[in-house]
Amino acid sequence: MFTVNVTHLGAGGISVSFPQSAGEESAAPAEETLDEGPSPIAPELKELLWGFGAFAVFLILMRLWLVPKVKRGMESRYGAIQGQHESADAVRAAAHADVAQYEAALVGIRAEATARIDAARGELEATRAARLAEVNAAIAAKRAAAAAEADAAHQAARGQIEDAVADVATRTAELTVGRVPDSNSVRQAVSNVMGAAS
């Protein structure tokens, strides 16, 4: 039967021993130390060189090509945004100017409309006053004519009334006194009474 003894020696490595059976002579030394090989944690020099070389190439590519390209893109985008802001400001200023011009035109139109309304109102008032004066003059003329006609009719009727009253007074006096009074005296008395009454 063959056995192998493995012993861990700490930082020194691993010790492997092969015990021999009783009749065999030892062909190898009793203990043999194995080499561990490269460390799995510590990188080798060529890996460091390759990593540093790749990093240097990537850094040079970024510095010479990628960063300027990104920077140019950012600057062009910033310029485009700035141009859009300036264009929007210009459009806003133009809109404010248009609104101000519209409001000024609206104020002018309102003032002109008010002036036209006032002028039309004044003209209408003058026309109404002139027409009213004409109508009043026509009414006054008709009233004067009617008054003249009424006065003429009154004067004409007054003579007839005086004659009728004189006849009645004469007849009454004749019936009362028994004799016919003087017609001129009766007419004079009737005329005086009617003149005082009017």
N, C-alpha and C. Protein backbone atom coordinates (compact mmCIF):
# COMPACT_ATOMS: atom_id res chain seq x y z
N MET A 1 0.84 -1.16 0.00
CA MET A 1 0.00 0.00 0.00
C MET A 1 0.88 1.22 0.00
N PHE A 2 0.40 2.26 -0.75
CA PHE A 2 1.22 3.45 -0.93
C PHE A 2 0.44 4.64 -0.41
N THR A 3 1.01 5.53 0.45
CA THR A 3 0.35 6.70 1.00
C THR A 3 1.18 7.92 0.75
N VAL A 4 0.44 9.11 0.70
CA VAL A 4 1.10 10.40 0.48
C VAL A 4 0.68 11.31 1.62
N ASN A 5 1.64 11.94 2.24
CA ASN A 5 1.36 12.92 3.29
C ASN A 5 1.59 14.31 2.75
N VAL A 6 0.55 15.16 2.84
CA VAL A 6 0.64 16.55 2.37
C VAL A 6 0.55 17.44 3.60
N THR A 7 1.51 18.37 3.72
CA THR A 7 1.55 19.26 4.86
C THR A 7 1.63 20.69 4.37
N HIS A 8 0.80 21.52 4.91
CA HIS A 8 0.80 22.94 4.56
C HIS A 8 1.78 23.66 5.44
N LEU A 9 2.70 24.40 4.84
CA LEU A 9 3.76 25.03 5.61
C LEU A 9 3.53 26.53 5.78
N GLY A 10 2.37 27.03 5.54
CA GLY A 10 2.11 28.47 5.68
C GLY A 10 2.59 29.20 4.46
N ALA A 11 3.35 30.29 4.67
CA ALA A 11 3.82 31.11 3.56
C ALA A 11 4.89 30.40 2.77
N GLY A 12 5.46 29.36 3.30
CA GLY A 12 6.57 28.68 2.61
C GLY A 12 6.13 27.76 1.54
N GLY A 13 4.92 27.27 1.54
CA GLY A 13 4.45 26.39 0.50
C GLY A 13 3.84 25.13 1.07
N ILE A 14 3.85 24.11 0.28
CA ILE A 14 3.25 22.83 0.66
C ILE A 14 4.36 21.79 0.66
N SER A 15 4.32 20.95 1.67
CA SER A 15 5.31 19.87 1.76
C SER A 15 4.60 18.55 1.49
N VAL A 16 5.12 17.79 0.57
CA VAL A 16 4.56 16.47 0.24
C VAL A 16 5.59 15.42 0.62
N SER A 17 5.15 14.39 1.36
CA SER A 17 6.09 13.31 1.74
C SER A 17 5.49 11.98 1.34
N PHE A 18 6.36 11.12 0.89
CA PHE A 18 5.95 9.78 0.47
C PHE A 18 6.58 8.77 1.43
N PRO A 19 5.84 8.26 2.35
CA PRO A 19 6.44 7.25 3.23
C PRO A 19 6.72 5.95 2.46
N GLN A 20 7.74 5.32 2.78
CA GLN A 20 8.14 4.08 2.08
C GLN A 20 7.80 2.88 2.94
N SER A 21 7.56 1.87 2.24
CA SER A 21 7.31 0.63 2.98
C SER A 21 8.61 0.07 3.53
N ALA A 22 8.49 -0.91 4.37
CA ALA A 22 9.64 -1.41 5.11
C ALA A 22 10.63 -2.09 4.19
N GLY A 23 10.61 -2.53 3.21
CA GLY A 23 11.68 -3.23 2.50
C GLY A 23 12.25 -2.42 1.38
N GLU A 24 11.69 -1.26 1.09
CA GLU A 24 12.15 -0.50 -0.07
C GLU A 24 13.17 0.50 0.38
N GLU A 25 14.04 0.75 -0.47
CA GLU A 25 15.04 1.76 -0.19
C GLU A 25 14.57 3.08 -0.76
N SER A 26 14.91 4.10 -0.15
CA SER A 26 14.47 5.44 -0.55
C SER A 26 15.23 5.88 -1.77
N ALA A 27 14.46 6.16 -2.84
CA ALA A 27 15.10 6.63 -4.04
C ALA A 27 15.10 8.15 -4.10
N ALA A 28 14.24 8.75 -3.32
CA ALA A 28 14.13 10.22 -3.33
C ALA A 28 14.28 10.70 -1.90
N PRO A 29 14.51 11.95 -1.73
CA PRO A 29 14.60 12.46 -0.36
C PRO A 29 13.24 12.33 0.33
N ALA A 30 13.21 12.39 1.61
CA ALA A 30 12.00 12.16 2.39
C ALA A 30 11.00 13.28 2.20
N GLU A 31 11.40 14.50 2.01
CA GLU A 31 10.49 15.64 1.83
C GLU A 31 10.84 16.40 0.58
N GLU A 32 9.79 16.82 -0.14
CA GLU A 32 10.02 17.61 -1.35
C GLU A 32 9.10 18.82 -1.30
N THR A 33 9.63 20.02 -1.55
CA THR A 33 8.84 21.27 -1.51
C THR A 33 8.43 21.63 -2.93
N LEU A 34 7.07 21.93 -3.11
CA LEU A 34 6.55 22.28 -4.44
C LEU A 34 6.54 23.80 -4.61
N ASP A 35 6.82 24.27 -5.83
CA ASP A 35 6.75 25.70 -6.16
C ASP A 35 5.29 26.05 -6.49
N GLU A 36 4.76 27.15 -5.91
CA GLU A 36 3.36 27.52 -6.11
C GLU A 36 3.08 28.10 -7.50
N GLY A 37 3.99 28.69 -8.15
CA GLY A 37 3.75 29.34 -9.44
C GLY A 37 3.37 30.80 -9.24
N PRO A 38 2.83 31.46 -10.29
CA PRO A 38 2.49 32.88 -10.19
C PRO A 38 1.28 33.09 -9.25
N SER A 39 1.27 34.25 -8.61
CA SER A 39 0.19 34.59 -7.69
C SER A 39 -1.05 34.97 -8.49
N PRO A 40 -2.24 34.50 -8.11
CA PRO A 40 -3.45 34.83 -8.84
C PRO A 40 -3.89 36.27 -8.60
N ILE A 41 -3.41 36.93 -7.56
CA ILE A 41 -3.82 38.30 -7.24
C ILE A 41 -2.88 39.32 -7.85
N ALA A 42 -1.60 39.13 -7.73
CA ALA A 42 -0.62 40.10 -8.23
C ALA A 42 -0.49 39.97 -9.74
N PRO A 43 -0.69 41.11 -10.52
CA PRO A 43 -0.56 41.02 -11.98
C PRO A 43 0.91 40.92 -12.39
N GLU A 44 1.06 40.36 -13.57
CA GLU A 44 2.42 40.25 -14.10
C GLU A 44 2.80 41.55 -14.80
N LEU A 45 4.06 41.67 -15.07
CA LEU A 45 4.58 42.89 -15.67
C LEU A 45 4.03 43.11 -17.08
N LYS A 46 3.90 42.07 -17.87
CA LYS A 46 3.40 42.25 -19.23
C LYS A 46 1.92 42.65 -19.23
N GLU A 47 1.16 42.13 -18.21
CA GLU A 47 -0.24 42.57 -18.11
C GLU A 47 -0.31 44.05 -17.76
N LEU A 48 0.58 44.48 -16.87
CA LEU A 48 0.63 45.90 -16.54
C LEU A 48 0.99 46.74 -17.75
N LEU A 49 1.98 46.26 -18.53
CA LEU A 49 2.40 47.00 -19.73
C LEU A 49 1.26 47.07 -20.76
N TRP A 50 0.58 45.94 -20.98
CA TRP A 50 -0.53 45.93 -21.93
C TRP A 50 -1.67 46.86 -21.46
N GLY A 51 -2.01 46.80 -20.19
CA GLY A 51 -3.06 47.66 -19.65
C GLY A 51 -2.71 49.14 -19.76
N PHE A 52 -1.44 49.47 -19.41
CA PHE A 52 -1.00 50.86 -19.50
C PHE A 52 -0.98 51.32 -20.96
N GLY A 53 -0.54 50.44 -21.86
CA GLY A 53 -0.51 50.79 -23.29
C GLY A 53 -1.91 51.04 -23.83
N ALA A 54 -2.88 50.15 -23.48
CA ALA A 54 -4.26 50.33 -23.94
C ALA A 54 -4.85 51.63 -23.38
N PHE A 55 -4.55 51.89 -22.09
CA PHE A 55 -5.04 53.12 -21.48
C PHE A 55 -4.45 54.35 -22.16
N ALA A 56 -3.13 54.30 -22.47
CA ALA A 56 -2.48 55.43 -23.13
C ALA A 56 -3.08 55.65 -24.52
N VAL A 57 -3.32 54.55 -25.27
CA VAL A 57 -3.92 54.69 -26.61
C VAL A 57 -5.32 55.28 -26.50
N PHE A 58 -6.12 54.75 -25.53
CA PHE A 58 -7.47 55.26 -25.34
C PHE A 58 -7.45 56.73 -24.90
N LEU A 59 -6.49 57.09 -24.04
CA LEU A 59 -6.37 58.48 -23.60
C LEU A 59 -6.00 59.39 -24.76
N ILE A 60 -5.07 58.93 -25.60
CA ILE A 60 -4.66 59.74 -26.76
C ILE A 60 -5.83 59.89 -27.74
N LEU A 61 -6.56 58.79 -27.98
CA LEU A 61 -7.71 58.85 -28.87
C LEU A 61 -8.78 59.81 -28.32
N MET A 62 -9.01 59.71 -27.02
CA MET A 62 -9.99 60.62 -26.43
C MET A 62 -9.53 62.06 -26.53
N ARG A 63 -8.25 62.30 -26.21
CA ARG A 63 -7.74 63.68 -26.19
C ARG A 63 -7.69 64.29 -27.58
N LEU A 64 -7.31 63.49 -28.57
CA LEU A 64 -7.12 64.02 -29.92
C LEU A 64 -8.37 63.95 -30.79
N TRP A 65 -9.25 62.99 -30.53
CA TRP A 65 -10.37 62.80 -31.46
C TRP A 65 -11.74 62.91 -30.78
N LEU A 66 -11.96 62.17 -29.70
CA LEU A 66 -13.28 62.09 -29.12
C LEU A 66 -13.68 63.37 -28.37
N VAL A 67 -12.77 63.90 -27.53
CA VAL A 67 -13.10 65.10 -26.76
C VAL A 67 -13.33 66.31 -27.67
N PRO A 68 -12.47 66.57 -28.68
CA PRO A 68 -12.77 67.70 -29.57
C PRO A 68 -14.08 67.53 -30.33
N LYS A 69 -14.37 66.28 -30.73
CA LYS A 69 -15.62 66.04 -31.45
C LYS A 69 -16.82 66.31 -30.55
N VAL A 70 -16.77 65.81 -29.32
CA VAL A 70 -17.86 66.06 -28.37
C VAL A 70 -17.96 67.56 -28.06
N LYS A 71 -16.78 68.20 -27.91
CA LYS A 71 -16.77 69.63 -27.62
C LYS A 71 -17.37 70.43 -28.78
N ARG A 72 -17.00 70.06 -30.03
CA ARG A 72 -17.59 70.75 -31.19
C ARG A 72 -19.10 70.53 -31.25
N GLY A 73 -19.54 69.31 -30.97
CA GLY A 73 -20.98 69.03 -30.94
C GLY A 73 -21.70 69.84 -29.88
N MET A 74 -21.09 69.93 -28.70
CA MET A 74 -21.70 70.71 -27.63
C MET A 74 -21.75 72.19 -27.99
N GLU A 75 -20.64 72.70 -28.59
CA GLU A 75 -20.62 74.11 -28.98
C GLU A 75 -21.65 74.40 -30.08
N SER A 76 -21.75 73.47 -31.06
CA SER A 76 -22.74 73.69 -32.12
C SER A 76 -24.16 73.63 -31.56
N ARG A 77 -24.38 72.69 -30.62
CA ARG A 77 -25.70 72.62 -30.01
C ARG A 77 -25.98 73.86 -29.18
N TYR A 78 -24.99 74.34 -28.43
CA TYR A 78 -25.16 75.56 -27.65
C TYR A 78 -25.43 76.75 -28.58
N GLY A 79 -24.69 76.80 -29.71
CA GLY A 79 -24.92 77.88 -30.67
C GLY A 79 -26.32 77.82 -31.26
N ALA A 80 -26.78 76.58 -31.58
CA ALA A 80 -28.13 76.43 -32.13
C ALA A 80 -29.18 76.86 -31.09
N ILE A 81 -28.99 76.44 -29.84
CA ILE A 81 -29.94 76.83 -28.78
C ILE A 81 -29.91 78.33 -28.58
N GLN A 82 -28.70 78.91 -28.58
CA GLN A 82 -28.58 80.36 -28.41
C GLN A 82 -29.26 81.10 -29.57
N GLY A 83 -29.06 80.57 -30.80
CA GLY A 83 -29.71 81.17 -31.96
C GLY A 83 -31.23 81.07 -31.87
N GLN A 84 -31.72 79.92 -31.39
CA GLN A 84 -33.16 79.78 -31.22
C GLN A 84 -33.69 80.75 -30.17
N HIS A 85 -32.91 80.92 -29.07
CA HIS A 85 -33.32 81.90 -28.04
C HIS A 85 -33.37 83.32 -28.63
N GLU A 86 -32.34 83.67 -29.40
CA GLU A 86 -32.31 85.01 -29.99
C GLU A 86 -33.45 85.17 -31.00
N SER A 87 -33.72 84.11 -31.78
CA SER A 87 -34.84 84.17 -32.73
C SER A 87 -36.17 84.31 -31.99
N ALA A 88 -36.31 83.56 -30.89
CA ALA A 88 -37.55 83.68 -30.10
C ALA A 88 -37.68 85.07 -29.50
N ASP A 89 -36.56 85.63 -29.02
CA ASP A 89 -36.61 87.00 -28.48
C ASP A 89 -37.00 88.00 -29.56
N ALA A 90 -36.44 87.81 -30.77
CA ALA A 90 -36.78 88.71 -31.87
C ALA A 90 -38.26 88.59 -32.24
N VAL A 91 -38.76 87.35 -32.31
CA VAL A 91 -40.18 87.14 -32.62
C VAL A 91 -41.06 87.75 -31.53
N ARG A 92 -40.65 87.56 -30.26
CA ARG A 92 -41.41 88.13 -29.15
C ARG A 92 -41.43 89.66 -29.22
N ALA A 93 -40.25 90.25 -29.52
CA ALA A 93 -40.18 91.71 -29.64
C ALA A 93 -41.04 92.20 -30.81
N ALA A 94 -41.00 91.47 -31.93
CA ALA A 94 -41.84 91.84 -33.07
C ALA A 94 -43.32 91.74 -32.73
N ALA A 95 -43.68 90.68 -31.97
CA ALA A 95 -45.07 90.52 -31.56
C ALA A 95 -45.50 91.66 -30.64
N HIS A 96 -44.61 92.03 -29.69
CA HIS A 96 -44.94 93.16 -28.80
C HIS A 96 -45.10 94.45 -29.62
N ALA A 97 -44.22 94.64 -30.61
CA ALA A 97 -44.33 95.84 -31.45
C ALA A 97 -45.63 95.83 -32.25
N ASP A 98 -46.01 94.65 -32.78
CA ASP A 98 -47.27 94.55 -33.51
C ASP A 98 -48.47 94.83 -32.61
N VAL A 99 -48.41 94.30 -31.38
CA VAL A 99 -49.51 94.55 -30.44
C VAL A 99 -49.61 96.04 -30.10
N ALA A 100 -48.44 96.67 -29.87
CA ALA A 100 -48.44 98.10 -29.56
C ALA A 100 -48.97 98.90 -30.75
N GLN A 101 -48.56 98.53 -31.96
CA GLN A 101 -49.05 99.23 -33.15
C GLN A 101 -50.56 99.03 -33.31
N TYR A 102 -51.04 97.80 -33.06
CA TYR A 102 -52.47 97.53 -33.15
C TYR A 102 -53.24 98.35 -32.12
N GLU A 103 -52.72 98.41 -30.88
CA GLU A 103 -53.40 99.19 -29.85
C GLU A 103 -53.41 100.68 -30.20
N ALA A 104 -52.29 101.18 -30.76
CA ALA A 104 -52.27 102.60 -31.16
C ALA A 104 -53.27 102.85 -32.29
N ALA A 105 -53.33 101.94 -33.27
CA ALA A 105 -54.30 102.08 -34.36
C ALA A 105 -55.73 102.00 -33.82
N LEU A 106 -55.96 101.11 -32.85
CA LEU A 106 -57.28 100.99 -32.25
C LEU A 106 -57.68 102.27 -31.52
N VAL A 107 -56.72 102.86 -30.80
CA VAL A 107 -57.01 104.13 -30.12
C VAL A 107 -57.34 105.22 -31.14
N GLY A 108 -56.57 105.28 -32.24
CA GLY A 108 -56.84 106.26 -33.28
C GLY A 108 -58.20 106.06 -33.92
N ILE A 109 -58.56 104.80 -34.18
CA ILE A 109 -59.85 104.51 -34.79
C ILE A 109 -60.99 104.87 -33.84
N ARG A 110 -60.79 104.57 -32.55
CA ARG A 110 -61.83 104.92 -31.58
C ARG A 110 -61.99 106.44 -31.48
N ALA A 111 -60.86 107.17 -31.49
CA ALA A 111 -60.94 108.63 -31.44
C ALA A 111 -61.64 109.18 -32.68
N GLU A 112 -61.30 108.61 -33.85
CA GLU A 112 -61.95 109.06 -35.09
C GLU A 112 -63.44 108.75 -35.08
N ALA A 113 -63.80 107.55 -34.58
CA ALA A 113 -65.22 107.19 -34.50
C ALA A 113 -65.96 108.11 -33.54
N THR A 114 -65.33 108.43 -32.41
CA THR A 114 -65.97 109.35 -31.45
C THR A 114 -66.14 110.73 -32.08
N ALA A 115 -65.12 111.20 -32.81
CA ALA A 115 -65.23 112.52 -33.46
C ALA A 115 -66.34 112.50 -34.51
N ARG A 116 -66.44 111.42 -35.28
CA ARG A 116 -67.51 111.34 -36.29
C ARG A 116 -68.88 111.29 -35.64
N ILE A 117 -68.99 110.55 -34.54
CA ILE A 117 -70.28 110.48 -33.84
C ILE A 117 -70.65 111.85 -33.30
N ASP A 118 -69.66 112.54 -32.70
CA ASP A 118 -69.94 113.89 -32.18
C ASP A 118 -70.34 114.85 -33.30
N ALA A 119 -69.63 114.75 -34.45
CA ALA A 119 -69.97 115.63 -35.58
C ALA A 119 -71.38 115.32 -36.09
N ALA A 120 -71.70 114.02 -36.20
CA ALA A 120 -73.04 113.64 -36.67
C ALA A 120 -74.09 114.09 -35.67
N ARG A 121 -73.78 113.94 -34.36
CA ARG A 121 -74.73 114.38 -33.34
C ARG A 121 -74.95 115.90 -33.41
N GLY A 122 -73.85 116.67 -33.60
CA GLY A 122 -73.98 118.13 -33.73
C GLY A 122 -74.77 118.51 -34.96
N GLU A 123 -74.48 117.83 -36.09
CA GLU A 123 -75.22 118.12 -37.32
C GLU A 123 -76.70 117.78 -37.16
N LEU A 124 -76.99 116.64 -36.51
CA LEU A 124 -78.37 116.25 -36.29
C LEU A 124 -79.08 117.24 -35.36
N GLU A 125 -78.34 117.70 -34.33
CA GLU A 125 -78.93 118.68 -33.42
C GLU A 125 -79.22 119.99 -34.14
N ALA A 126 -78.28 120.43 -35.02
CA ALA A 126 -78.51 121.66 -35.78
C ALA A 126 -79.69 121.50 -36.72
N THR A 127 -79.76 120.34 -37.40
CA THR A 127 -80.88 120.08 -38.31
C THR A 127 -82.20 120.06 -37.54
N ARG A 128 -82.19 119.41 -36.36
CA ARG A 128 -83.42 119.35 -35.55
C ARG A 128 -83.84 120.74 -35.08
N ALA A 129 -82.83 121.54 -34.66
CA ALA A 129 -83.16 122.90 -34.21
C ALA A 129 -83.71 123.73 -35.36
N ALA A 130 -83.10 123.61 -36.57
CA ALA A 130 -83.59 124.37 -37.72
C ALA A 130 -85.00 123.93 -38.09
N ARG A 131 -85.22 122.63 -38.09
CA ARG A 131 -86.56 122.12 -38.44
C ARG A 131 -87.59 122.54 -37.39
N LEU A 132 -87.17 122.49 -36.12
CA LEU A 132 -88.07 122.91 -35.04
C LEU A 132 -88.42 124.39 -35.17
N ALA A 133 -87.41 125.20 -35.55
CA ALA A 133 -87.66 126.63 -35.75
C ALA A 133 -88.63 126.85 -36.90
N GLU A 134 -88.42 126.06 -38.01
CA GLU A 134 -89.35 126.18 -39.14
C GLU A 134 -90.77 125.79 -38.74
N VAL A 135 -90.89 124.69 -38.01
CA VAL A 135 -92.22 124.24 -37.59
C VAL A 135 -92.85 125.26 -36.65
N ASN A 136 -92.05 125.78 -35.70
CA ASN A 136 -92.59 126.80 -34.78
C ASN A 136 -93.03 128.06 -35.53
N ALA A 137 -92.21 128.45 -36.54
CA ALA A 137 -92.58 129.62 -37.34
C ALA A 137 -93.87 129.36 -38.12
N ALA A 138 -93.99 128.14 -38.68
CA ALA A 138 -95.22 127.80 -39.42
C ALA A 138 -96.42 127.78 -38.48
N ILE A 139 -96.21 127.22 -37.28
CA ILE A 139 -97.32 127.18 -36.30
C ILE A 139 -97.70 128.59 -35.88
N ALA A 140 -96.69 129.44 -35.63
CA ALA A 140 -96.97 130.83 -35.23
C ALA A 140 -97.72 131.57 -36.34
N ALA A 141 -97.30 131.32 -37.60
CA ALA A 141 -97.98 131.98 -38.72
C ALA A 141 -99.43 131.52 -38.81
N LYS A 142 -99.61 130.19 -38.66
CA LYS A 142 -100.99 129.67 -38.72
C LYS A 142 -101.80 130.18 -37.53
N ARG A 143 -101.15 130.25 -36.36
CA ARG A 143 -101.86 130.76 -35.19
C ARG A 143 -102.25 132.23 -35.38
N ALA A 144 -101.31 133.02 -35.94
CA ALA A 144 -101.62 134.44 -36.19
C ALA A 144 -102.74 134.58 -37.21
N ALA A 145 -102.67 133.71 -38.26
CA ALA A 145 -103.74 133.76 -39.27
C ALA A 145 -105.07 133.36 -38.66
N ALA A 146 -105.02 132.30 -37.82
CA ALA A 146 -106.27 131.85 -37.18
C ALA A 146 -106.78 132.92 -36.23
N ALA A 147 -105.84 133.56 -35.50
CA ALA A 147 -106.27 134.62 -34.57
C ALA A 147 -106.86 135.79 -35.35
N ALA A 148 -106.23 136.13 -36.50
CA ALA A 148 -106.77 137.22 -37.32
C ALA A 148 -108.14 136.87 -37.85
N GLU A 149 -108.27 135.61 -38.31
CA GLU A 149 -109.58 135.17 -38.81
C GLU A 149 -110.61 135.18 -37.68
N ALA A 150 -110.18 134.70 -36.48
CA ALA A 150 -111.10 134.68 -35.34
C ALA A 150 -111.48 136.09 -34.94
N ASP A 151 -110.48 137.00 -34.97
CA ASP A 151 -110.77 138.40 -34.62
C ASP A 151 -111.72 139.02 -35.64
N ALA A 152 -111.47 138.73 -36.92
CA ALA A 152 -112.36 139.26 -37.96
C ALA A 152 -113.77 138.70 -37.80
N ALA A 153 -113.83 137.37 -37.50
CA ALA A 153 -115.13 136.75 -37.29
C ALA A 153 -115.80 137.33 -36.05
N HIS A 154 -114.96 137.58 -35.02
CA HIS A 154 -115.50 138.15 -33.78
C HIS A 154 -116.04 139.57 -34.03
N GLN A 155 -115.23 140.35 -34.80
CA GLN A 155 -115.69 141.71 -35.11
C GLN A 155 -116.97 141.67 -35.94
N ALA A 156 -117.00 140.73 -36.90
CA ALA A 156 -118.21 140.62 -37.73
C ALA A 156 -119.39 140.19 -36.88
N ALA A 157 -119.14 139.24 -36.00
CA ALA A 157 -120.23 138.74 -35.15
C ALA A 157 -120.62 139.78 -34.11
N ARG A 158 -119.65 140.60 -33.69
CA ARG A 158 -119.92 141.60 -32.67
C ARG A 158 -120.97 142.61 -33.17
N GLY A 159 -120.81 143.00 -34.41
CA GLY A 159 -121.80 143.93 -34.98
C GLY A 159 -123.19 143.32 -34.97
N GLN A 160 -123.25 142.06 -35.37
CA GLN A 160 -124.55 141.39 -35.39
C GLN A 160 -125.10 141.22 -33.96
N ILE A 161 -124.17 140.90 -33.03
CA ILE A 161 -124.60 140.72 -31.64
C ILE A 161 -125.09 142.05 -31.06
N GLU A 162 -124.33 143.11 -31.38
CA GLU A 162 -124.77 144.43 -30.90
C GLU A 162 -126.15 144.79 -31.44
N ASP A 163 -126.36 144.49 -32.72
CA ASP A 163 -127.68 144.77 -33.31
C ASP A 163 -128.77 143.96 -32.62
N ALA A 164 -128.44 142.66 -32.37
CA ALA A 164 -129.44 141.80 -31.74
C ALA A 164 -129.71 142.25 -30.31
N VAL A 165 -128.66 142.61 -29.56
CA VAL A 165 -128.82 143.07 -28.18
C VAL A 165 -129.59 144.40 -28.15
N ALA A 166 -129.28 145.27 -29.11
CA ALA A 166 -129.98 146.56 -29.17
C ALA A 166 -131.46 146.34 -29.44
N ASP A 167 -131.77 145.41 -30.33
CA ASP A 167 -133.17 145.11 -30.62
C ASP A 167 -133.88 144.56 -29.39
N VAL A 168 -133.20 143.65 -28.70
CA VAL A 168 -133.79 143.04 -27.50
C VAL A 168 -133.97 144.10 -26.41
N ALA A 169 -132.94 144.97 -26.23
CA ALA A 169 -133.03 146.03 -25.20
C ALA A 169 -134.14 147.02 -25.53
N THR A 170 -134.23 147.34 -26.82
CA THR A 170 -135.27 148.28 -27.24
C THR A 170 -136.63 147.68 -26.96
N ARG A 171 -136.80 146.46 -27.33
CA ARG A 171 -138.10 145.80 -27.12
C ARG A 171 -138.40 145.68 -25.63
N THR A 172 -137.38 145.34 -24.82
CA THR A 172 -137.58 145.21 -23.38
C THR A 172 -137.95 146.55 -22.77
N ALA A 173 -137.24 147.59 -23.17
CA ALA A 173 -137.53 148.93 -22.64
C ALA A 173 -138.92 149.36 -23.06
N GLU A 174 -139.28 149.03 -24.31
CA GLU A 174 -140.61 149.39 -24.80
C GLU A 174 -141.67 148.68 -23.98
N LEU A 175 -141.44 147.41 -23.67
CA LEU A 175 -142.41 146.66 -22.90
C LEU A 175 -142.43 147.14 -21.45
N THR A 176 -141.29 147.54 -20.94
CA THR A 176 -141.22 147.96 -19.56
C THR A 176 -141.78 149.37 -19.38
N VAL A 177 -141.32 150.27 -20.21
CA VAL A 177 -141.68 151.68 -20.05
C VAL A 177 -142.99 151.96 -20.77
N GLY A 178 -143.23 151.31 -21.82
CA GLY A 178 -144.43 151.53 -22.60
C GLY A 178 -144.21 152.45 -23.77
N ARG A 179 -143.01 152.91 -23.98
CA ARG A 179 -142.71 153.73 -25.13
C ARG A 179 -141.40 153.26 -25.75
N VAL A 180 -141.08 153.57 -26.98
CA VAL A 180 -139.89 153.13 -27.72
C VAL A 180 -138.78 154.09 -27.40
N PRO A 181 -137.67 153.58 -26.88
CA PRO A 181 -136.56 154.46 -26.59
C PRO A 181 -135.82 154.84 -27.86
N ASP A 182 -134.88 155.83 -27.72
CA ASP A 182 -134.08 156.27 -28.88
C ASP A 182 -133.12 155.15 -29.26
N SER A 183 -133.12 154.77 -30.54
CA SER A 183 -132.28 153.63 -30.99
C SER A 183 -130.80 153.97 -30.90
N ASN A 184 -130.43 155.23 -31.13
CA ASN A 184 -129.01 155.61 -31.04
C ASN A 184 -128.52 155.51 -29.59
N SER A 185 -129.33 155.88 -28.62
CA SER A 185 -128.95 155.80 -27.22
C SER A 185 -128.79 154.34 -26.80
N VAL A 186 -129.72 153.51 -27.28
CA VAL A 186 -129.63 152.08 -26.94
C VAL A 186 -128.38 151.47 -27.54
N ARG A 187 -128.11 151.79 -28.80
CA ARG A 187 -126.90 151.22 -29.44
C ARG A 187 -125.64 151.69 -28.74
N GLN A 188 -125.60 152.98 -28.32
CA GLN A 188 -124.44 153.52 -27.63
C GLN A 188 -124.25 152.81 -26.30
N ALA A 189 -125.33 152.57 -25.57
CA ALA A 189 -125.26 151.90 -24.26
C ALA A 189 -124.79 150.44 -24.45
N VAL A 190 -125.35 149.76 -25.43
CA VAL A 190 -124.95 148.35 -25.70
C VAL A 190 -123.48 148.28 -26.10
N SER A 191 -123.04 149.22 -26.95
CA SER A 191 -121.65 149.23 -27.41
C SER A 191 -120.73 149.48 -26.25
N ASN A 192 -121.09 150.41 -25.32
CA ASN A 192 -120.26 150.66 -24.15
C ASN A 192 -120.17 149.44 -23.24
N VAL A 193 -121.28 148.76 -23.02
CA VAL A 193 -121.30 147.58 -22.14
C VAL A 193 -120.46 146.45 -22.76
N MET A 194 -120.61 146.21 -24.05
CA MET A 194 -119.86 145.13 -24.71
C MET A 194 -118.38 145.48 -24.80
N GLY A 195 -118.06 146.75 -24.99
CA GLY A 195 -116.67 147.16 -25.02
C GLY A 195 -116.02 146.98 -23.66
N ALA A 196 -116.75 147.30 -22.57
CA ALA A 196 -116.20 147.12 -21.24
C ALA A 196 -116.05 145.64 -20.91
N ALA A 197 -116.95 144.80 -21.42
CA ALA A 197 -116.88 143.36 -21.13
C ALA A 197 -115.72 142.70 -21.87
N SER A 198 -115.45 143.18 -23.05
CA SER A 198 -114.36 142.56 -23.81
C SER A 198 -113.05 143.11 -23.34
